[in-house]
Amino acid sequence: MDGSKKHVSVLYGPYSSCGVVTHRTDRLDGLQTLLKSNGHKVDLNEMADRNSVQLWVKGELVYQCSITDLEFGGDGLMDPLCSEALKAVDRAF
C-alpha cells in the first residue's frame, strides 16, 4: 500500500482557555492517537478558523467539528467525535 494513501492532514484553529485564545493541541491528543493506531499518518497544521478542526484526505475535507467539543487528552477511544472522525477518514480511502 502506498504510504501517502493513509495520510491525514488535521487543520486546527485557536480556541479560548483560561481567557487566552491561542492554538493548542491538547484536545487533539485522542484524535491523533486513534488515527495513528489505525495506520494513518497525521500532520497537524494551524489555521485561522477559531474553534475549528478539519480533517483532509487527498485534498478533500472529510470531517470537521469544534475543537472544544473534543475531549481533553486521552486516547480517543471514549470520545464519540474521534470515532466519527476515524470512520470519515476510513471511508475516504
PDB file of N, CA and C in Angstrom:
ATOM      1  N   MET A   1       0.848  -1.177   0.000  1.00  0.00           N
ATOM      2  CA  MET A   1       0.000   0.000   0.000  1.00  0.00           C
ATOM      3  C   MET A   1       0.892   1.238   0.000  1.00  0.00           C
ATOM      4  N   ASP A   2       0.524   2.195  -0.809  1.00  0.00           N
ATOM      5  CA  ASP A   2       1.262   3.449  -0.892  1.00  0.00           C
ATOM      6  C   ASP A   2       1.143   4.218   0.417  1.00  0.00           C
ATOM      7  N   GLY A   3       2.281   4.686   0.980  1.00  0.00           N
ATOM      8  CA  GLY A   3       2.289   5.373   2.266  1.00  0.00           C
ATOM      9  C   GLY A   3       1.449   6.631   2.290  1.00  0.00           C
ATOM     10  N   SER A   4       1.368   7.331   1.142  1.00  0.00           N
ATOM     11  CA  SER A   4       0.592   8.572   1.112  1.00  0.00           C
ATOM     12  C   SER A   4      -0.904   8.304   1.154  1.00  0.00           C
ATOM     13  N   LYS A   5      -1.297   7.067   0.862  1.00  0.00           N
ATOM     14  CA  LYS A   5      -2.719   6.733   0.845  1.00  0.00           C
ATOM     15  C   LYS A   5      -3.352   6.871   2.227  1.00  0.00           C
ATOM     16  N   LYS A   6      -2.568   6.730   3.284  1.00  0.00           N
ATOM     17  CA  LYS A   6      -3.109   6.792   4.637  1.00  0.00           C
ATOM     18  C   LYS A   6      -2.790   8.125   5.311  1.00  0.00           C
ATOM     19  N   HIS A   7      -2.489   9.154   4.532  1.00  0.00           N
ATOM     20  CA  HIS A   7      -2.091  10.452   5.063  1.00  0.00           C
ATOM     21  C   HIS A   7      -3.320  11.308   5.384  1.00  0.00           C
ATOM     22  N   VAL A   8      -3.351  11.870   6.600  1.00  0.00           N
ATOM     23  CA  VAL A   8      -4.452  12.734   7.033  1.00  0.00           C
ATOM     24  C   VAL A   8      -3.868  14.067   7.498  1.00  0.00           C
ATOM     25  N   SER A   9      -4.383  15.156   6.941  1.00  0.00           N
ATOM     26  CA  SER A   9      -4.000  16.490   7.410  1.00  0.00           C
ATOM     27  C   SER A   9      -5.068  16.980   8.378  1.00  0.00           C
ATOM     28  N   VAL A  10      -4.641  17.341   9.578  1.00  0.00           N
ATOM     29  CA  VAL A  10      -5.554  17.866  10.588  1.00  0.00           C
ATOM     30  C   VAL A  10      -5.256  19.362  10.734  1.00  0.00           C
ATOM     31  N   LEU A  11      -6.216  20.173  10.332  1.00  0.00           N
ATOM     32  CA  LEU A  11      -6.092  21.616  10.487  1.00  0.00           C
ATOM     33  C   LEU A  11      -6.880  22.013  11.723  1.00  0.00           C
ATOM     34  N   TYR A  12      -6.293  22.875  12.544  1.00  0.00           N
ATOM     35  CA  TYR A  12      -6.969  23.260  13.782  1.00  0.00           C
ATOM     36  C   TYR A  12      -6.773  24.744  14.043  1.00  0.00           C
ATOM     37  N   GLY A  13      -7.823  25.331  14.558  1.00  0.00           N
ATOM     38  CA  GLY A  13      -7.801  26.754  14.855  1.00  0.00           C
ATOM     39  C   GLY A  13      -7.578  27.026  16.329  1.00  0.00           C
ATOM     40  N   PRO A  14      -7.370  28.286  16.651  1.00  0.00           N
ATOM     41  CA  PRO A  14      -7.177  28.656  18.050  1.00  0.00           C
ATOM     42  C   PRO A  14      -8.502  28.576  18.812  1.00  0.00           C
ATOM     43  N   TYR A  15      -8.399  28.402  20.117  1.00  0.00           N
ATOM     44  CA  TYR A  15      -9.587  28.446  20.965  1.00  0.00           C
ATOM     45  C   TYR A  15      -9.225  29.062  22.303  1.00  0.00           C
ATOM     46  N   SER A  16     -10.253  29.477  23.032  1.00  0.00           N
ATOM     47  CA  SER A  16     -10.051  30.166  24.298  1.00  0.00           C
ATOM     48  C   SER A  16      -9.982  29.175  25.453  1.00  0.00           C
ATOM     49  N   SER A  17      -8.960  29.344  26.281  1.00  0.00           N
ATOM     50  CA  SER A  17      -8.820  28.571  27.504  1.00  0.00           C
ATOM     51  C   SER A  17      -8.211  29.499  28.544  1.00  0.00           C
ATOM     52  N   CYS A  18      -8.863  29.611  29.678  1.00  0.00           N
ATOM     53  CA  CYS A  18      -8.404  30.494  30.752  1.00  0.00           C
ATOM     54  C   CYS A  18      -8.257  31.935  30.261  1.00  0.00           C
ATOM     55  N   GLY A  19      -9.143  32.322  29.348  1.00  0.00           N
ATOM     56  CA  GLY A  19      -9.148  33.697  28.858  1.00  0.00           C
ATOM     57  C   GLY A  19      -8.112  34.016  27.804  1.00  0.00           C
ATOM     58  N   VAL A  20      -7.356  33.015  27.354  1.00  0.00           N
ATOM     59  CA  VAL A  20      -6.330  33.230  26.342  1.00  0.00           C
ATOM     60  C   VAL A  20      -6.697  32.437  25.084  1.00  0.00           C
ATOM     61  N   VAL A  21      -6.734  33.132  23.950  1.00  0.00           N
ATOM     62  CA  VAL A  21      -7.030  32.484  22.675  1.00  0.00           C
ATOM     63  C   VAL A  21      -5.712  32.199  21.961  1.00  0.00           C
ATOM     64  N   THR A  22      -5.453  30.924  21.730  1.00  0.00           N
ATOM     65  CA  THR A  22      -4.233  30.513  21.020  1.00  0.00           C
ATOM     66  C   THR A  22      -4.433  29.113  20.452  1.00  0.00           C
ATOM     67  N   HIS A  23      -3.507  28.704  19.593  1.00  0.00           N
ATOM     68  CA  HIS A  23      -3.529  27.339  19.062  1.00  0.00           C
ATOM     69  C   HIS A  23      -2.983  26.391  20.131  1.00  0.00           C
ATOM     70  N   ARG A  24      -3.745  25.341  20.409  1.00  0.00           N
ATOM     71  CA  ARG A  24      -3.339  24.310  21.359  1.00  0.00           C
ATOM     72  C   ARG A  24      -3.643  22.943  20.757  1.00  0.00           C
ATOM     73  N   THR A  25      -2.838  21.965  21.095  1.00  0.00           N
ATOM     74  CA  THR A  25      -3.060  20.617  20.550  1.00  0.00           C
ATOM     75  C   THR A  25      -3.576  19.620  21.589  1.00  0.00           C
ATOM     76  N   ASP A  26      -3.761  20.045  22.832  1.00  0.00           N
ATOM     77  CA  ASP A  26      -4.185  19.115  23.892  1.00  0.00           C
ATOM     78  C   ASP A  26      -5.486  18.391  23.554  1.00  0.00           C
ATOM     79  N   ARG A  27      -6.418  19.077  22.933  1.00  0.00           N
ATOM     80  CA  ARG A  27      -7.697  18.446  22.589  1.00  0.00           C
ATOM     81  C   ARG A  27      -7.586  17.564  21.342  1.00  0.00           C
ATOM     82  N   LEU A  28      -6.429  17.562  20.703  1.00  0.00           N
ATOM     83  CA  LEU A  28      -6.219  16.726  19.527  1.00  0.00           C
ATOM     84  C   LEU A  28      -5.500  15.422  19.864  1.00  0.00           C
ATOM     85  N   ASP A  29      -5.078  15.256  21.114  1.00  0.00           N
ATOM     86  CA  ASP A  29      -4.324  14.064  21.512  1.00  0.00           C
ATOM     87  C   ASP A  29      -5.076  12.771  21.204  1.00  0.00           C
ATOM     88  N   GLY A  30      -6.323  12.696  21.616  1.00  0.00           N
ATOM     89  CA  GLY A  30      -7.108  11.477  21.404  1.00  0.00           C
ATOM     90  C   GLY A  30      -7.328  11.201  19.927  1.00  0.00           C
ATOM     91  N   LEU A  31      -7.619  12.246  19.170  1.00  0.00           N
ATOM     92  CA  LEU A  31      -7.832  12.102  17.735  1.00  0.00           C
ATOM     93  C   LEU A  31      -6.570  11.589  17.050  1.00  0.00           C
ATOM     94  N   GLN A  32      -5.437  12.189  17.380  1.00  0.00           N
ATOM     95  CA  GLN A  32      -4.170  11.748  16.805  1.00  0.00           C
ATOM     96  C   GLN A  32      -3.868  10.298  17.163  1.00  0.00           C
ATOM     97  N   THR A  33      -4.046   9.956  18.423  1.00  0.00           N
ATOM     98  CA  THR A  33      -3.763   8.590  18.886  1.00  0.00           C
ATOM     99  C   THR A  33      -4.624   7.577  18.150  1.00  0.00           C
ATOM    100  N   LEU A  34      -5.908   7.869  18.027  1.00  0.00           N
ATOM    101  CA  LEU A  34      -6.828   6.946  17.367  1.00  0.00           C
ATOM    102  C   LEU A  34      -6.489   6.796  15.887  1.00  0.00           C
ATOM    103  N   LEU A  35      -6.222   7.901  15.215  1.00  0.00           N
ATOM    104  CA  LEU A  35      -5.882   7.834  13.795  1.00  0.00           C
ATOM    105  C   LEU A  35      -4.573   7.057  13.583  1.00  0.00           C
ATOM    106  N   LYS A  36      -3.568   7.365  14.391  1.00  0.00           N
ATOM    107  CA  LYS A  36      -2.271   6.695  14.240  1.00  0.00           C
ATOM    108  C   LYS A  36      -2.369   5.204  14.555  1.00  0.00           C
ATOM    109  N   SER A  37      -3.156   4.851  15.564  1.00  0.00           N
ATOM    110  CA  SER A  37      -3.286   3.433  15.924  1.00  0.00           C
ATOM    111  C   SER A  37      -4.025   2.639  14.850  1.00  0.00           C
ATOM    112  N   ASN A  38      -4.691   3.354  13.949  1.00  0.00           N
ATOM    113  CA  ASN A  38      -5.383   2.696  12.836  1.00  0.00           C
ATOM    114  C   ASN A  38      -4.601   2.841  11.530  1.00  0.00           C
ATOM    115  N   GLY A  39      -3.314   3.171  11.648  1.00  0.00           N
ATOM    116  CA  GLY A  39      -2.429   3.157  10.496  1.00  0.00           C
ATOM    117  C   GLY A  39      -2.337   4.427   9.682  1.00  0.00           C
ATOM    118  N   HIS A  40      -2.882   5.509  10.193  1.00  0.00           N
ATOM    119  CA  HIS A  40      -2.843   6.766   9.447  1.00  0.00           C
ATOM    120  C   HIS A  40      -1.656   7.626   9.872  1.00  0.00           C
ATOM    121  N   LYS A  41      -1.067   8.315   8.899  1.00  0.00           N
ATOM    122  CA  LYS A  41      -0.019   9.294   9.174  1.00  0.00           C
ATOM    123  C   LYS A  41      -0.724  10.635   9.362  1.00  0.00           C
ATOM    124  N   VAL A  42      -0.457  11.311  10.470  1.00  0.00           N
ATOM    125  CA  VAL A  42      -1.177  12.538  10.817  1.00  0.00           C
ATOM    126  C   VAL A  42      -0.227  13.734  10.790  1.00  0.00           C
ATOM    127  N   ASP A  43      -0.633  14.769  10.076  1.00  0.00           N
ATOM    128  CA  ASP A  43       0.078  16.046  10.080  1.00  0.00           C
ATOM    129  C   ASP A  43      -0.835  17.091  10.690  1.00  0.00           C
ATOM    130  N   LEU A  44      -0.329  17.815  11.684  1.00  0.00           N
ATOM    131  CA  LEU A  44      -1.083  18.905  12.308  1.00  0.00           C
ATOM    132  C   LEU A  44      -0.664  20.224  11.686  1.00  0.00           C
ATOM    133  N   ASN A  45      -1.661  21.039  11.345  1.00  0.00           N
ATOM    134  CA  ASN A  45      -1.408  22.349  10.756  1.00  0.00           C
ATOM    135  C   ASN A  45      -2.352  23.379  11.363  1.00  0.00           C
ATOM    136  N   GLU A  46      -1.790  24.482  11.805  1.00  0.00           N
ATOM    137  CA  GLU A  46      -2.616  25.560  12.347  1.00  0.00           C
ATOM    138  C   GLU A  46      -3.377  26.253  11.223  1.00  0.00           C
ATOM    139  N   MET A  47      -4.583  26.741  11.564  1.00  0.00           N
ATOM    140  CA  MET A  47      -5.367  27.551  10.642  1.00  0.00           C
ATOM    141  C   MET A  47      -6.007  28.682  11.436  1.00  0.00           C
ATOM    142  N   ALA A  48      -6.580  29.643  10.753  1.00  0.00           N
ATOM    143  CA  ALA A  48      -7.125  30.825  11.412  1.00  0.00           C
ATOM    144  C   ALA A  48      -8.536  30.622  11.967  1.00  0.00           C
ATOM    145  N   ASP A  49      -9.281  29.642  11.463  1.00  0.00           N
ATOM    146  CA  ASP A  49     -10.678  29.451  11.868  1.00  0.00           C
ATOM    147  C   ASP A  49     -10.767  29.067  13.342  1.00  0.00           C
ATOM    148  N   ARG A  50     -11.274  29.991  14.130  1.00  0.00           N
ATOM    149  CA  ARG A  50     -11.349  29.792  15.578  1.00  0.00           C
ATOM    150  C   ARG A  50     -12.271  28.626  15.933  1.00  0.00           C
ATOM    151  N   ASN A  51     -11.852  27.814  16.893  1.00  0.00           N
ATOM    152  CA  ASN A  51     -12.612  26.677  17.447  1.00  0.00           C
ATOM    153  C   ASN A  51     -12.820  25.526  16.471  1.00  0.00           C
ATOM    154  N   SER A  52     -12.161  25.510  15.349  1.00  0.00           N
ATOM    155  CA  SER A  52     -12.449  24.525  14.315  1.00  0.00           C
ATOM    156  C   SER A  52     -11.350  23.475  14.177  1.00  0.00           C
ATOM    157  N   VAL A  53     -11.780  22.257  13.834  1.00  0.00           N
ATOM    158  CA  VAL A  53     -10.876  21.175  13.449  1.00  0.00           C
ATOM    159  C   VAL A  53     -11.393  20.622  12.130  1.00  0.00           C
ATOM    160  N   GLN A  54     -10.490  20.457  11.179  1.00  0.00           N
ATOM    161  CA  GLN A  54     -10.840  19.890   9.883  1.00  0.00           C
ATOM    162  C   GLN A  54      -9.879  18.759   9.562  1.00  0.00           C
ATOM    163  N   LEU A  55     -10.416  17.663   9.034  1.00  0.00           N
ATOM    164  CA  LEU A  55      -9.600  16.541   8.582  1.00  0.00           C
ATOM    165  C   LEU A  55      -9.681  16.464   7.070  1.00  0.00           C
ATOM    166  N   TRP A  56      -8.524  16.500   6.442  1.00  0.00           N
ATOM    167  CA  TRP A  56      -8.420  16.485   4.986  1.00  0.00           C
ATOM    168  C   TRP A  56      -7.702  15.217   4.544  1.00  0.00           C
ATOM    169  N   VAL A  57      -8.257  14.565   3.536  1.00  0.00           N
ATOM    170  CA  VAL A  57      -7.666  13.370   2.947  1.00  0.00           C
ATOM    171  C   VAL A  57      -7.667  13.553   1.431  1.00  0.00           C
ATOM    172  N   LYS A  58      -6.510  13.392   0.835  1.00  0.00           N
ATOM    173  CA  LYS A  58      -6.364  13.507  -0.625  1.00  0.00           C
ATOM    174  C   LYS A  58      -7.001  14.796  -1.153  1.00  0.00           C
ATOM    175  N   GLY A  59      -6.797  15.904  -0.445  1.00  0.00           N
ATOM    176  CA  GLY A  59      -7.295  17.203  -0.898  1.00  0.00           C
ATOM    177  C   GLY A  59      -8.769  17.451  -0.660  1.00  0.00           C
ATOM    178  N   GLU A  60      -9.447  16.564   0.053  1.00  0.00           N
ATOM    179  CA  GLU A  60     -10.879  16.729   0.315  1.00  0.00           C
ATOM    180  C   GLU A  60     -11.139  16.797   1.819  1.00  0.00           C
ATOM    181  N   LEU A  61     -12.029  17.723   2.187  1.00  0.00           N
ATOM    182  CA  LEU A  61     -12.470  17.835   3.578  1.00  0.00           C
ATOM    183  C   LEU A  61     -13.399  16.664   3.865  1.00  0.00           C
ATOM    184  N   VAL A  62     -13.012  15.801   4.826  1.00  0.00           N
ATOM    185  CA  VAL A  62     -13.823  14.614   5.114  1.00  0.00           C
ATOM    186  C   VAL A  62     -14.531  14.702   6.464  1.00  0.00           C
ATOM    187  N   TYR A  63     -14.067  15.608   7.333  1.00  0.00           N
ATOM    188  CA  TYR A  63     -14.696  15.725   8.653  1.00  0.00           C
ATOM    189  C   TYR A  63     -14.318  17.064   9.263  1.00  0.00           C
ATOM    190  N   GLN A  64     -15.268  17.642  10.008  1.00  0.00           N
ATOM    191  CA  GLN A  64     -14.946  18.835  10.790  1.00  0.00           C
ATOM    192  C   GLN A  64     -15.848  18.912  12.005  1.00  0.00           C
ATOM    193  N   CYS A  65     -15.312  19.540  13.056  1.00  0.00           N
ATOM    194  CA  CYS A  65     -16.057  19.742  14.290  1.00  0.00           C
ATOM    195  C   CYS A  65     -15.422  20.902  15.049  1.00  0.00           C
ATOM    196  N   SER A  66     -16.012  21.228  16.167  1.00  0.00           N
ATOM    197  CA  SER A  66     -15.436  22.246  17.035  1.00  0.00           C
ATOM    198  C   SER A  66     -14.358  21.599  17.897  1.00  0.00           C
ATOM    199  N   ILE A  67     -13.215  22.219  17.972  1.00  0.00           N
ATOM    200  CA  ILE A  67     -12.113  21.668  18.771  1.00  0.00           C
ATOM    201  C   ILE A  67     -12.502  21.585  20.244  1.00  0.00           C
ATOM    202  N   THR A  68     -13.366  22.475  20.703  1.00  0.00           N
ATOM    203  CA  THR A  68     -13.760  22.470  22.112  1.00  0.00           C
ATOM    204  C   THR A  68     -14.727  21.328  22.439  1.00  0.00           C
ATOM    205  N   ASP A  69     -15.267  20.668  21.420  1.00  0.00           N
ATOM    206  CA  ASP A  69     -16.134  19.516  21.655  1.00  0.00           C
ATOM    207  C   ASP A  69     -15.340  18.216  21.823  1.00  0.00           C
ATOM    208  N   LEU A  70     -14.064  18.231  21.441  1.00  0.00           N
ATOM    209  CA  LEU A  70     -13.222  17.051  21.620  1.00  0.00           C
ATOM    210  C   LEU A  70     -12.801  16.948  23.080  1.00  0.00           C
ATOM    211  N   GLU A  71     -12.676  15.715  23.559  1.00  0.00           N
ATOM    212  CA  GLU A  71     -12.254  15.512  24.940  1.00  0.00           C
ATOM    213  C   GLU A  71     -10.796  15.915  25.105  1.00  0.00           C
ATOM    214  N   PHE A  72     -10.469  16.456  26.263  1.00  0.00           N
ATOM    215  CA  PHE A  72      -9.120  16.896  26.576  1.00  0.00           C
ATOM    216  C   PHE A  72      -8.236  15.690  26.864  1.00  0.00           C
ATOM    217  N   GLY A  73      -7.133  15.538  26.123  1.00  0.00           N
ATOM    218  CA  GLY A  73      -6.210  14.422  26.360  1.00  0.00           C
ATOM    219  C   GLY A  73      -6.841  13.086  26.030  1.00  0.00           C
ATOM    220  N   GLY A  74      -6.304  12.041  26.582  1.00  0.00           N
ATOM    221  CA  GLY A  74      -6.859  10.707  26.397  1.00  0.00           C
ATOM    222  C   GLY A  74      -6.410  10.043  25.113  1.00  0.00           C
ATOM    223  N   ASP A  75      -6.987   8.847  24.874  1.00  0.00           N
ATOM    224  CA  ASP A  75      -6.600   8.059  23.713  1.00  0.00           C
ATOM    225  C   ASP A  75      -7.637   8.083  22.599  1.00  0.00           C
ATOM    226  N   GLY A  76      -8.733   8.823  22.781  1.00  0.00           N
ATOM    227  CA  GLY A  76      -9.752   8.954  21.749  1.00  0.00           C
ATOM    228  C   GLY A  76     -10.761   7.828  21.701  1.00  0.00           C
ATOM    229  N   LEU A  77     -10.522   6.740  22.437  1.00  0.00           N
ATOM    230  CA  LEU A  77     -11.413   5.586  22.359  1.00  0.00           C
ATOM    231  C   LEU A  77     -12.807   5.865  22.908  1.00  0.00           C
ATOM    232  N   MET A  78     -12.906   6.733  23.911  1.00  0.00           N
ATOM    233  CA  MET A  78     -14.203   7.007  24.528  1.00  0.00           C
ATOM    234  C   MET A  78     -14.847   8.296  24.007  1.00  0.00           C
ATOM    235  N   ASP A  79     -14.185   8.968  23.085  1.00  0.00           N
ATOM    236  CA  ASP A  79     -14.696  10.220  22.536  1.00  0.00           C
ATOM    237  C   ASP A  79     -15.475   9.916  21.253  1.00  0.00           C
ATOM    238  N   PRO A  80     -16.806  10.123  21.260  1.00  0.00           N
ATOM    239  CA  PRO A  80     -17.600   9.791  20.075  1.00  0.00           C
ATOM    240  C   PRO A  80     -17.207  10.611  18.837  1.00  0.00           C
ATOM    241  N   LEU A  81     -16.714  11.822  19.022  1.00  0.00           N
ATOM    242  CA  LEU A  81     -16.292  12.616  17.867  1.00  0.00           C
ATOM    243  C   LEU A  81     -15.046  12.025  17.214  1.00  0.00           C
ATOM    244  N   CYS A  82     -14.142  11.495  18.006  1.00  0.00           N
ATOM    245  CA  CYS A  82     -12.954  10.840  17.456  1.00  0.00           C
ATOM    246  C   CYS A  82     -13.352   9.611  16.648  1.00  0.00           C
ATOM    247  N   SER A  83     -14.340   8.863  17.137  1.00  0.00           N
ATOM    248  CA  SER A  83     -14.831   7.693  16.408  1.00  0.00           C
ATOM    249  C   SER A  83     -15.464   8.103  15.085  1.00  0.00           C
ATOM    250  N   GLU A  84     -16.261   9.175  15.103  1.00  0.00           N
ATOM    251  CA  GLU A  84     -16.868   9.685  13.869  1.00  0.00           C
ATOM    252  C   GLU A  84     -15.797  10.117  12.880  1.00  0.00           C
ATOM    253  N   ALA A  85     -14.776  10.807  13.381  1.00  0.00           N
ATOM    254  CA  ALA A  85     -13.691  11.282  12.515  1.00  0.00           C
ATOM    255  C   ALA A  85     -12.958  10.105  11.881  1.00  0.00           C
ATOM    256  N   LEU A  86     -12.651   9.084  12.675  1.00  0.00           N
ATOM    257  CA  LEU A  86     -11.970   7.895  12.145  1.00  0.00           C
ATOM    258  C   LEU A  86     -12.797   7.231  11.047  1.00  0.00           C
ATOM    259  N   LYS A  87     -14.090   7.104  11.251  1.00  0.00           N
ATOM    260  CA  LYS A  87     -14.964   6.494  10.239  1.00  0.00           C
ATOM    261  C   LYS A  87     -14.947   7.324   8.960  1.00  0.00           C
ATOM    262  N   ALA A  88     -14.981   8.640   9.085  1.00  0.00           N
ATOM    263  CA  ALA A  88     -14.973   9.512   7.913  1.00  0.00           C
ATOM    264  C   ALA A  88     -13.648   9.383   7.149  1.00  0.00           C
ATOM    265  N   VAL A  89     -12.552   9.307   7.880  1.00  0.00           N
ATOM    266  CA  VAL A  89     -11.231   9.138   7.249  1.00  0.00           C
ATOM    267  C   VAL A  89     -11.150   7.782   6.560  1.00  0.00           C
ATOM    268  N   ASP A  90     -11.589   6.727   7.224  1.00  0.00           N
ATOM    269  CA  ASP A  90     -11.543   5.390   6.638  1.00  0.00           C
ATOM    270  C   ASP A  90     -12.388   5.303   5.365  1.00  0.00           C
ATOM    271  N   ARG A  91     -13.547   5.970   5.363  1.00  0.00           N
ATOM    272  CA  ARG A  91     -14.399   5.985   4.165  1.00  0.00           C
ATOM    273  C   ARG A  91     -13.701   6.668   2.991  1.00  0.00           C
ATOM    274  N   ALA A  92     -12.846   7.640   3.295  1.00  0.00           N
ATOM    275  CA  ALA A  92     -12.150   8.386   2.239  1.00  0.00           C
ATOM    276  C   ALA A  92     -11.127   7.521   1.509  1.00  0.00           C
ATOM    277  N   PHE A  93     -10.708   6.427   2.124  1.00  0.00           N
ATOM    278  CA  PHE A  93      -9.745   5.536   1.493  1.00  0.00           C
ATOM    279  C   PHE A  93     -10.456   4.350   0.876  1.00  0.00           C
TER     280      PHE A  93
END
